[in-house]
N, C-alpha and C. Protein backbone atom coordinates (compact mmCIF):
# COMPACT_ATOMS: atom_id res chain seq x y z
N UNK A 1 416.25 47.03 69.09
CA UNK A 1 415.23 47.12 70.20
C UNK A 1 415.55 48.46 70.94
N UNK A 2 414.73 49.34 71.01
CA UNK A 2 414.78 50.46 71.67
C UNK A 2 413.93 50.45 73.13
N UNK A 3 414.22 50.74 74.18
CA UNK A 3 413.38 50.32 75.41
C UNK A 3 412.52 51.45 75.31
N UNK A 4 411.35 51.53 75.73
CA UNK A 4 410.19 52.42 75.67
C UNK A 4 410.89 53.35 77.17
N UNK A 5 410.47 54.81 77.16
CA UNK A 5 410.65 55.52 78.23
C UNK A 5 409.24 55.72 78.88
N UNK A 6 409.35 55.02 80.16
CA UNK A 6 407.80 55.16 80.83
C UNK A 6 408.15 55.42 82.24
N UNK A 7 407.09 55.92 83.03
CA UNK A 7 407.36 56.37 84.23
C UNK A 7 405.74 56.07 84.82
N UNK A 8 405.61 56.45 86.14
CA UNK A 8 404.33 56.26 86.68
C UNK A 8 403.36 57.87 86.45
N UNK A 9 402.29 57.58 86.27
CA UNK A 9 401.28 58.76 86.40
C UNK A 9 402.08 59.86 85.31
N UNK A 10 402.10 59.16 83.91
CA UNK A 10 402.42 60.08 82.91
C UNK A 10 401.43 61.03 82.38
N UNK A 11 401.78 62.29 81.94
CA UNK A 11 400.80 63.18 81.72
C UNK A 11 400.81 63.16 80.08
N UNK A 12 401.67 62.79 79.16
CA UNK A 12 401.82 62.57 77.86
C UNK A 12 402.75 61.29 77.52
N UNK A 13 402.44 60.57 76.54
CA UNK A 13 403.12 59.26 76.39
C UNK A 13 403.25 59.99 74.74
N UNK A 14 404.77 60.35 74.39
CA UNK A 14 404.95 60.65 73.00
C UNK A 14 405.10 59.08 71.99
N UNK A 15 404.43 59.15 70.90
CA UNK A 15 404.87 57.73 70.19
C UNK A 15 405.15 58.10 68.83
N UNK A 16 406.67 57.74 68.65
CA UNK A 16 407.11 58.07 67.17
C UNK A 16 406.74 56.89 66.37
N UNK A 17 407.21 56.91 65.08
CA UNK A 17 406.57 55.77 64.15
C UNK A 17 407.41 54.55 64.47
N UNK A 18 408.84 54.69 64.46
CA UNK A 18 409.79 53.69 64.76
C UNK A 18 411.09 54.35 64.51
N UNK A 19 412.10 53.57 65.08
CA UNK A 19 413.45 54.12 65.18
C UNK A 19 414.10 54.48 64.24
N UNK A 20 414.96 55.49 63.91
CA UNK A 20 415.63 55.62 62.85
C UNK A 20 417.00 54.62 63.16
N UNK A 21 418.10 54.72 62.18
CA UNK A 21 419.05 53.85 62.39
C UNK A 21 419.99 54.45 63.47
N UNK A 22 420.36 55.84 63.50
CA UNK A 22 420.81 56.47 64.68
C UNK A 22 420.37 56.14 66.09
N UNK A 23 418.80 55.98 66.01
CA UNK A 23 417.99 55.66 67.35
C UNK A 23 418.79 54.03 67.65
N UNK A 24 418.72 53.29 66.62
CA UNK A 24 419.21 51.64 66.95
C UNK A 24 420.81 51.83 67.17
N UNK A 25 421.37 52.61 66.92
CA UNK A 25 422.89 52.55 67.31
C UNK A 25 423.24 53.11 68.40
N UNK A 26 422.43 54.02 68.74
CA UNK A 26 422.72 54.74 70.39
C UNK A 26 421.73 54.15 71.37
N UNK A 27 420.58 53.53 71.04
CA UNK A 27 419.75 53.23 72.02
C UNK A 27 419.00 54.30 72.23
N UNK A 28 418.95 55.56 71.82
CA UNK A 28 418.01 56.55 72.43
C UNK A 28 416.81 57.10 71.36
N UNK A 29 415.89 57.37 71.55
CA UNK A 29 414.77 58.01 70.65
C UNK A 29 415.12 59.34 70.26
N UNK A 30 414.66 59.35 68.84
CA UNK A 30 414.99 60.80 68.09
C UNK A 30 416.34 61.18 68.05
N UNK A 31 417.12 60.24 67.93
CA UNK A 31 418.53 60.51 67.95
C UNK A 31 419.44 61.04 66.96
N UNK A 32 418.79 61.12 65.93
CA UNK A 32 419.52 61.72 64.92
C UNK A 32 419.63 63.29 64.70
N UNK A 33 420.97 63.72 64.73
CA UNK A 33 421.19 65.25 64.98
C UNK A 33 420.04 66.33 64.08
N UNK A 34 419.55 65.63 62.89
CA UNK A 34 418.34 66.77 62.04
C UNK A 34 417.05 66.59 62.85
N UNK A 35 416.72 65.55 63.70
CA UNK A 35 415.21 65.56 64.22
C UNK A 35 415.06 66.46 65.23
N UNK A 36 414.06 66.92 64.99
CA UNK A 36 413.33 68.12 65.71
C UNK A 36 412.71 67.90 66.97
N UNK A 37 412.56 66.71 67.16
CA UNK A 37 411.88 66.29 68.38
C UNK A 37 412.41 67.13 69.59
N UNK A 38 413.39 66.70 70.09
CA UNK A 38 414.11 67.43 71.35
C UNK A 38 413.99 68.90 71.29
N UNK A 39 414.25 69.61 70.32
CA UNK A 39 414.12 71.22 70.28
C UNK A 39 412.90 71.42 70.44
N UNK A 40 411.85 70.88 69.83
CA UNK A 40 410.34 71.23 69.57
C UNK A 40 409.80 71.11 71.19
N UNK A 41 410.43 69.74 71.86
CA UNK A 41 409.65 69.66 73.23
C UNK A 41 410.51 70.86 73.87
N UNK A 42 411.34 71.28 74.04
CA UNK A 42 411.94 72.49 75.00
C UNK A 42 410.96 73.64 74.55
N UNK A 43 410.95 74.20 73.11
CA UNK A 43 410.50 75.12 72.68
C UNK A 43 408.82 75.12 73.04
N UNK A 44 408.07 74.20 73.09
CA UNK A 44 406.91 74.04 73.30
C UNK A 44 406.53 74.17 75.02
N UNK A 45 407.68 74.02 75.87
CA UNK A 45 407.45 74.60 77.39
C UNK A 45 407.38 73.01 77.89
N UNK A 46 407.59 71.70 77.50
CA UNK A 46 407.32 70.54 78.19
C UNK A 46 408.50 70.51 79.07
N UNK A 47 409.70 70.87 78.75
CA UNK A 47 410.98 70.92 79.41
C UNK A 47 411.65 72.00 79.60
N UNK A 48 412.21 72.12 80.82
CA UNK A 48 413.00 73.66 81.13
C UNK A 48 413.95 74.00 80.24
N UNK A 49 414.84 72.88 79.86
CA UNK A 49 415.87 73.26 79.03
C UNK A 49 415.86 72.27 77.92
N UNK A 50 416.80 72.28 76.82
CA UNK A 50 417.00 71.37 75.71
C UNK A 50 417.81 70.34 76.18
N UNK A 51 417.05 68.91 76.21
CA UNK A 51 417.54 67.57 76.44
C UNK A 51 418.41 67.09 75.03
N UNK A 52 419.21 66.50 75.52
CA UNK A 52 419.90 65.71 74.52
C UNK A 52 419.16 64.22 74.47
N UNK A 53 419.37 63.70 73.41
CA UNK A 53 418.85 61.78 73.38
C UNK A 53 419.13 61.12 74.21
N UNK A 54 420.42 61.42 74.93
CA UNK A 54 420.75 60.62 75.85
C UNK A 54 420.27 60.84 77.50
N UNK A 55 419.48 62.04 77.30
CA UNK A 55 419.13 62.25 78.65
C UNK A 55 417.56 61.74 78.94
N UNK A 56 417.24 60.93 77.91
CA UNK A 56 415.77 60.71 77.56
C UNK A 56 415.08 59.97 78.85
N UNK A 57 416.12 59.58 79.84
CA UNK A 57 415.35 58.83 80.83
C UNK A 57 415.18 59.91 82.02
N UNK A 58 415.51 61.29 81.75
CA UNK A 58 414.93 62.27 82.35
C UNK A 58 413.21 62.64 82.51
N UNK A 59 412.66 62.29 81.32
CA UNK A 59 411.49 62.45 80.64
C UNK A 59 410.20 62.30 81.65
N UNK A 60 410.44 61.05 82.12
CA UNK A 60 409.44 60.82 83.19
C UNK A 60 409.25 61.83 84.53
N UNK A 61 410.42 62.16 84.98
CA UNK A 61 410.38 63.39 85.99
C UNK A 61 409.51 64.51 85.49
N UNK A 62 409.19 64.63 84.35
CA UNK A 62 408.51 65.77 83.71
C UNK A 62 406.97 65.37 83.11
N UNK A 63 406.93 64.05 83.81
CA UNK A 63 405.38 63.51 83.38
C UNK A 63 405.29 62.90 81.93
N UNK A 64 406.42 62.61 81.45
CA UNK A 64 406.32 62.50 79.87
C UNK A 64 407.26 60.92 79.55
N UNK A 65 406.85 60.31 78.72
CA UNK A 65 407.23 59.03 77.97
C UNK A 65 407.40 59.03 76.71
N UNK A 66 408.06 57.97 76.18
CA UNK A 66 408.24 57.82 74.55
C UNK A 66 408.12 56.40 74.37
N UNK A 67 407.52 56.00 73.37
CA UNK A 67 407.51 54.81 72.79
C UNK A 67 407.54 54.84 71.07
N UNK A 68 407.14 53.85 70.43
CA UNK A 68 407.01 53.84 69.14
C UNK A 68 405.78 53.02 68.79
N UNK A 69 405.47 53.25 67.16
CA UNK A 69 404.22 52.28 67.06
C UNK A 69 404.74 51.02 66.73
N UNK A 70 406.11 51.14 65.68
CA UNK A 70 406.75 49.78 65.43
C UNK A 70 408.06 49.79 65.81
N UNK A 71 408.42 48.61 66.43
CA UNK A 71 410.08 48.62 66.97
C UNK A 71 411.07 48.46 65.61
N UNK A 72 410.77 47.88 64.81
CA UNK A 72 411.93 47.66 63.68
C UNK A 72 412.52 49.05 63.42
N UNK A 73 413.88 49.21 63.28
CA UNK A 73 414.28 50.17 62.90
C UNK A 73 414.74 50.16 61.48
N UNK A 74 414.51 51.33 60.83
CA UNK A 74 414.58 51.68 59.37
C UNK A 74 415.26 53.16 59.15
N UNK A 75 415.80 53.12 57.65
CA UNK A 75 416.08 54.56 57.57
C UNK A 75 415.07 55.45 57.39
N UNK A 76 413.97 54.75 56.85
CA UNK A 76 412.67 55.88 56.57
C UNK A 76 411.72 55.20 57.12
N UNK A 77 410.53 55.77 57.69
CA UNK A 77 409.65 55.50 58.14
C UNK A 77 408.73 54.57 56.70
N UNK A 78 408.69 55.38 55.53
CA UNK A 78 408.18 54.47 54.46
C UNK A 78 408.51 53.42 54.27
N UNK A 79 409.58 52.72 54.85
CA UNK A 79 410.06 51.24 54.71
C UNK A 79 409.12 50.39 55.32
N UNK A 80 408.27 51.00 56.26
CA UNK A 80 407.58 50.06 57.03
C UNK A 80 406.41 49.67 56.37
N UNK A 81 405.90 48.32 56.80
CA UNK A 81 404.54 47.67 55.78
C UNK A 81 403.38 48.12 56.56
N UNK A 82 402.11 48.31 55.77
CA UNK A 82 400.95 48.47 56.17
C UNK A 82 400.84 47.34 57.53
N UNK A 83 401.21 46.13 57.36
CA UNK A 83 400.76 45.14 58.69
C UNK A 83 401.56 45.22 59.54
N UNK A 84 402.99 45.84 59.84
CA UNK A 84 403.59 46.13 60.73
C UNK A 84 403.05 47.54 61.20
N UNK A 85 402.30 48.50 60.69
CA UNK A 85 401.71 49.49 61.32
C UNK A 85 400.67 49.36 62.14
N UNK A 86 399.96 48.19 61.62
CA UNK A 86 398.44 47.85 62.14
C UNK A 86 398.86 46.78 63.29
N UNK A 87 399.66 46.02 63.25
CA UNK A 87 400.08 45.48 64.27
C UNK A 87 400.68 46.34 65.47
N UNK A 88 401.53 47.10 65.09
CA UNK A 88 402.02 48.01 66.07
C UNK A 88 401.06 49.10 66.91
N UNK A 89 400.23 49.31 66.12
CA UNK A 89 398.89 50.14 66.60
C UNK A 89 397.99 49.29 67.66
N UNK A 90 397.96 47.93 67.57
CA UNK A 90 397.37 46.92 68.55
C UNK A 90 398.39 46.96 69.73
N UNK A 91 399.59 46.76 69.49
CA UNK A 91 400.40 46.93 70.56
C UNK A 91 400.37 48.11 71.31
N UNK A 92 400.44 49.37 70.49
CA UNK A 92 400.15 50.46 71.22
C UNK A 92 399.05 50.72 72.32
N UNK A 93 397.99 50.35 71.61
CA UNK A 93 396.74 50.43 72.31
C UNK A 93 396.79 49.61 73.68
N UNK A 94 397.74 48.42 73.70
CA UNK A 94 397.44 47.68 74.75
C UNK A 94 398.50 48.38 75.95
N UNK A 95 399.56 49.09 75.20
CA UNK A 95 400.42 49.36 76.04
C UNK A 95 399.88 50.93 76.64
N UNK A 96 399.18 51.55 76.27
CA UNK A 96 398.46 52.93 76.58
C UNK A 96 397.19 52.28 77.72
N UNK A 97 396.50 51.41 77.19
CA UNK A 97 395.54 50.77 78.12
C UNK A 97 396.36 50.60 79.70
N UNK A 98 397.38 50.01 79.57
CA UNK A 98 398.20 49.56 80.78
C UNK A 98 398.90 50.44 81.50
N UNK A 99 399.49 51.34 80.82
CA UNK A 99 400.12 52.59 81.47
C UNK A 99 399.42 53.73 81.78
N UNK A 100 398.19 54.13 81.08
CA UNK A 100 396.97 55.20 81.27
C UNK A 100 397.58 56.65 81.21
N UNK A 101 398.68 57.03 80.43
CA UNK A 101 398.99 58.29 80.30
C UNK A 101 397.63 59.29 80.15
N UNK A 102 397.80 60.45 80.46
CA UNK A 102 396.70 61.16 80.42
C UNK A 102 396.29 61.78 78.76
N UNK A 103 397.48 61.77 77.94
CA UNK A 103 397.48 62.02 76.53
C UNK A 103 398.19 60.90 75.67
N UNK A 104 397.80 60.36 74.81
CA UNK A 104 398.72 59.75 73.45
C UNK A 104 399.00 60.78 72.80
N UNK A 105 400.28 61.04 72.45
CA UNK A 105 400.52 62.02 71.27
C UNK A 105 401.32 61.37 70.24
N UNK A 106 400.90 61.12 69.16
CA UNK A 106 401.54 60.33 67.95
C UNK A 106 402.05 61.08 66.94
N UNK A 107 403.32 60.91 66.94
CA UNK A 107 404.22 62.09 65.84
C UNK A 107 404.23 61.31 64.71
N UNK A 108 403.35 61.42 63.91
CA UNK A 108 402.97 61.24 62.35
C UNK A 108 401.89 60.60 61.95
N UNK A 109 401.07 61.80 61.20
CA UNK A 109 399.70 61.46 60.92
C UNK A 109 399.67 60.23 59.81
N UNK A 110 400.30 60.16 59.17
CA UNK A 110 400.53 58.93 57.95
C UNK A 110 400.60 57.72 58.67
N UNK A 111 401.32 57.52 59.57
CA UNK A 111 401.29 56.13 60.41
C UNK A 111 400.06 56.09 61.25
N UNK A 112 399.80 56.97 62.05
CA UNK A 112 398.62 56.99 62.53
C UNK A 112 397.11 56.67 61.84
N UNK A 113 397.22 57.14 60.74
CA UNK A 113 396.12 56.76 59.82
C UNK A 113 396.05 55.30 59.53
N UNK A 114 397.34 54.90 59.18
CA UNK A 114 397.40 53.37 58.98
C UNK A 114 397.21 52.75 60.00
N UNK A 115 397.86 52.91 61.28
CA UNK A 115 397.81 51.84 62.31
C UNK A 115 396.43 51.80 63.11
N UNK A 116 395.87 52.93 62.86
CA UNK A 116 394.37 52.78 63.45
C UNK A 116 393.37 52.93 62.46
N UNK A 117 393.50 52.74 61.07
CA UNK A 117 392.34 52.65 60.23
C UNK A 117 391.56 54.11 60.26
N UNK A 118 392.41 55.03 60.35
CA UNK A 118 391.60 56.53 60.43
C UNK A 118 392.13 57.33 59.16
N UNK A 119 391.81 57.01 57.90
CA UNK A 119 392.27 57.46 56.82
C UNK A 119 391.93 59.00 56.64
N UNK A 120 391.17 59.68 57.26
CA UNK A 120 390.97 61.15 57.18
C UNK A 120 391.43 61.97 58.25
N UNK A 121 392.10 61.13 59.21
CA UNK A 121 392.87 61.91 60.60
C UNK A 121 393.80 62.78 59.94
N UNK A 122 393.76 64.06 60.86
CA UNK A 122 394.41 65.15 60.40
C UNK A 122 395.26 65.51 61.86
N UNK A 123 396.15 66.35 61.83
CA UNK A 123 396.87 66.91 63.19
C UNK A 123 396.07 67.33 64.03
N UNK A 124 396.30 67.05 65.19
CA UNK A 124 395.29 67.80 66.07
C UNK A 124 394.84 66.67 67.28
N UNK A 125 393.70 67.01 68.00
CA UNK A 125 393.09 66.21 69.05
C UNK A 125 391.99 65.61 67.97
N UNK A 126 392.19 64.08 68.41
CA UNK A 126 391.34 63.20 67.60
C UNK A 126 390.06 62.87 68.22
N UNK A 127 388.82 62.45 67.62
CA UNK A 127 387.64 62.17 68.21
C UNK A 127 387.52 60.75 69.07
N UNK A 128 388.51 59.70 68.56
CA UNK A 128 388.72 58.50 69.02
C UNK A 128 389.71 58.55 69.89
N UNK A 129 389.34 57.67 70.92
CA UNK A 129 390.50 57.45 71.95
C UNK A 129 391.35 56.09 71.60
N UNK A 130 392.47 55.86 72.14
CA UNK A 130 393.20 54.59 72.00
C UNK A 130 393.51 54.37 73.56
N UNK A 131 393.07 52.98 73.53
CA UNK A 131 393.24 52.36 74.97
C UNK A 131 392.65 53.23 76.13
N UNK A 132 391.60 53.86 75.82
CA UNK A 132 390.67 54.31 76.30
C UNK A 132 391.48 55.84 76.77
N UNK A 133 392.30 56.42 76.34
CA UNK A 133 393.32 57.44 76.47
C UNK A 133 392.89 58.43 75.11
N UNK A 134 392.75 59.75 75.42
CA UNK A 134 392.35 60.79 74.28
C UNK A 134 394.01 60.58 73.22
N UNK A 135 393.78 60.94 72.00
CA UNK A 135 394.84 61.11 71.06
C UNK A 135 395.12 62.12 70.63
N UNK A 136 396.22 62.91 70.26
CA UNK A 136 396.68 63.79 69.84
C UNK A 136 397.53 63.57 68.53
N UNK A 137 397.47 63.54 67.26
CA UNK A 137 398.38 63.35 66.01
C UNK A 137 399.12 64.69 65.98
N UNK A 138 400.51 64.49 65.87
CA UNK A 138 401.37 65.65 65.57
C UNK A 138 402.27 65.43 64.53
N UNK A 139 402.58 66.31 63.93
CA UNK A 139 403.79 66.26 62.81
C UNK A 139 405.22 65.33 63.00
N UNK A 140 405.34 64.67 62.01
CA UNK A 140 406.44 63.67 62.11
C UNK A 140 407.54 64.84 62.26
N UNK A 141 408.70 64.75 63.38
CA UNK A 141 409.54 65.80 63.66
C UNK A 141 410.74 65.36 62.90
N UNK A 142 410.99 64.42 62.33
CA UNK A 142 411.98 63.93 61.19
C UNK A 142 412.62 65.17 60.60
N UNK A 143 413.63 65.24 60.22
CA UNK A 143 413.92 66.16 59.22
C UNK A 143 413.77 65.73 57.90
N UNK A 144 413.26 64.52 57.81
CA UNK A 144 412.90 64.48 56.15
C UNK A 144 411.56 65.17 56.28
N UNK A 145 410.98 65.54 57.27
CA UNK A 145 409.35 65.93 56.99
C UNK A 145 409.41 67.46 56.83
N UNK A 146 409.64 68.00 55.42
CA UNK A 146 410.03 69.25 55.06
C UNK A 146 408.98 70.18 55.27
N UNK A 147 407.70 69.65 55.30
CA UNK A 147 406.16 70.18 55.35
C UNK A 147 406.16 71.04 56.41
N UNK A 148 406.90 70.68 57.59
CA UNK A 148 406.78 71.41 58.88
C UNK A 148 408.07 71.97 59.42
N UNK A 149 408.07 73.29 59.69
CA UNK A 149 409.09 73.52 60.52
C UNK A 149 409.36 73.25 62.11
N UNK A 150 410.33 73.62 62.53
CA UNK A 150 410.74 73.71 64.02
C UNK A 150 409.74 74.12 64.76
N UNK A 151 409.40 75.54 64.28
CA UNK A 151 408.28 76.40 65.11
C UNK A 151 406.77 75.67 64.87
N UNK A 152 406.38 75.41 63.71
CA UNK A 152 405.35 75.01 63.54
C UNK A 152 405.12 73.30 64.49
N UNK A 153 406.07 72.60 64.58
CA UNK A 153 406.10 71.45 65.16
C UNK A 153 405.97 71.79 66.72
N UNK A 154 406.94 72.61 67.14
CA UNK A 154 406.85 73.38 68.68
C UNK A 154 405.52 73.93 69.11
N UNK A 155 404.76 74.39 68.23
CA UNK A 155 403.48 75.30 68.26
C UNK A 155 402.54 74.13 68.41
N UNK A 156 402.59 73.11 67.91
CA UNK A 156 401.60 71.53 67.99
C UNK A 156 401.77 71.10 69.50
N UNK A 157 402.90 70.89 69.55
CA UNK A 157 403.42 70.55 71.03
C UNK A 157 402.80 71.29 72.08
N UNK A 158 402.96 72.60 72.07
CA UNK A 158 402.70 73.55 72.82
C UNK A 158 400.77 73.26 73.03
N UNK A 159 400.08 73.04 72.01
CA UNK A 159 398.71 72.81 72.19
C UNK A 159 398.57 71.70 73.17
N UNK A 160 399.20 70.68 72.70
CA UNK A 160 399.32 69.35 73.89
C UNK A 160 399.33 69.61 74.86
N UNK A 161 400.76 70.37 75.29
CA UNK A 161 400.84 70.93 76.72
C UNK A 161 399.79 71.53 77.35
N UNK A 162 399.26 72.81 76.82
CA UNK A 162 398.19 73.44 77.15
C UNK A 162 396.83 72.69 77.62
N UNK A 163 396.60 71.78 76.64
CA UNK A 163 395.39 70.88 76.75
C UNK A 163 395.65 70.19 77.73
N UNK A 164 396.83 69.48 77.94
CA UNK A 164 396.95 68.57 79.19
C UNK A 164 396.94 69.29 80.52
N UNK A 165 397.30 70.72 80.55
CA UNK A 165 397.36 71.54 81.91
C UNK A 165 396.03 71.86 82.08
N UNK A 166 395.01 72.24 81.15
CA UNK A 166 393.79 72.52 81.46
C UNK A 166 392.98 71.60 81.77
N UNK A 167 393.08 70.46 81.62
CA UNK A 167 392.26 69.34 81.92
C UNK A 167 392.56 68.35 83.27
N UNK A 168 393.65 69.17 83.99
CA UNK A 168 393.94 68.87 85.45
C UNK A 168 393.18 69.27 86.27
C-alpha cells in the first residue's frame, strides 16, 4: 500500500492507475526509472526542478498531490480487473469530494474509461466532473506506453497547468 500524497488546497491531484512493483518496493509513486511522470512534471512547469520519486513529499508545497485509482500493485496495469477499476473510481470520487483539488488529473485514459464508465473519453478536459471537480485525462507516463513521448506527455501536463493558472 502506497500512501497518497495530499495537502491542503491542492491545485492538481494527479491520479495514477495503480502502483507498479518498484513503487510498492520503495513506497514512492512513479518510482520505476523508465516512468516519465517526474520528468514530464518538471518539463511542464509544475516544478522548478526535476524531483526524484523519493521527494514526492515536496509536491504539496507546489499545490500538487498524488493518488491511484487502484491501490493493488502490479507489474502492468492490464493485470487489473474491471471490478477493481470501478471500485477504485468510486473510492477516488469520494477522496476528490473530500480533498477538493481544483483539478483531478487522471494519468491513463483506458483506466479512466473503465473506472468511470466513459468508453469514449479521450485525453483532455472532460465534460463530466468527478467528486464535483473538473477532470483532465492524461496519457499514462509508464515507459510501457510507447504511443506517447516524454515531450507529448509534458505538453499535455502543461495544458493542465495553464488551465489551472487561468482559472485562478
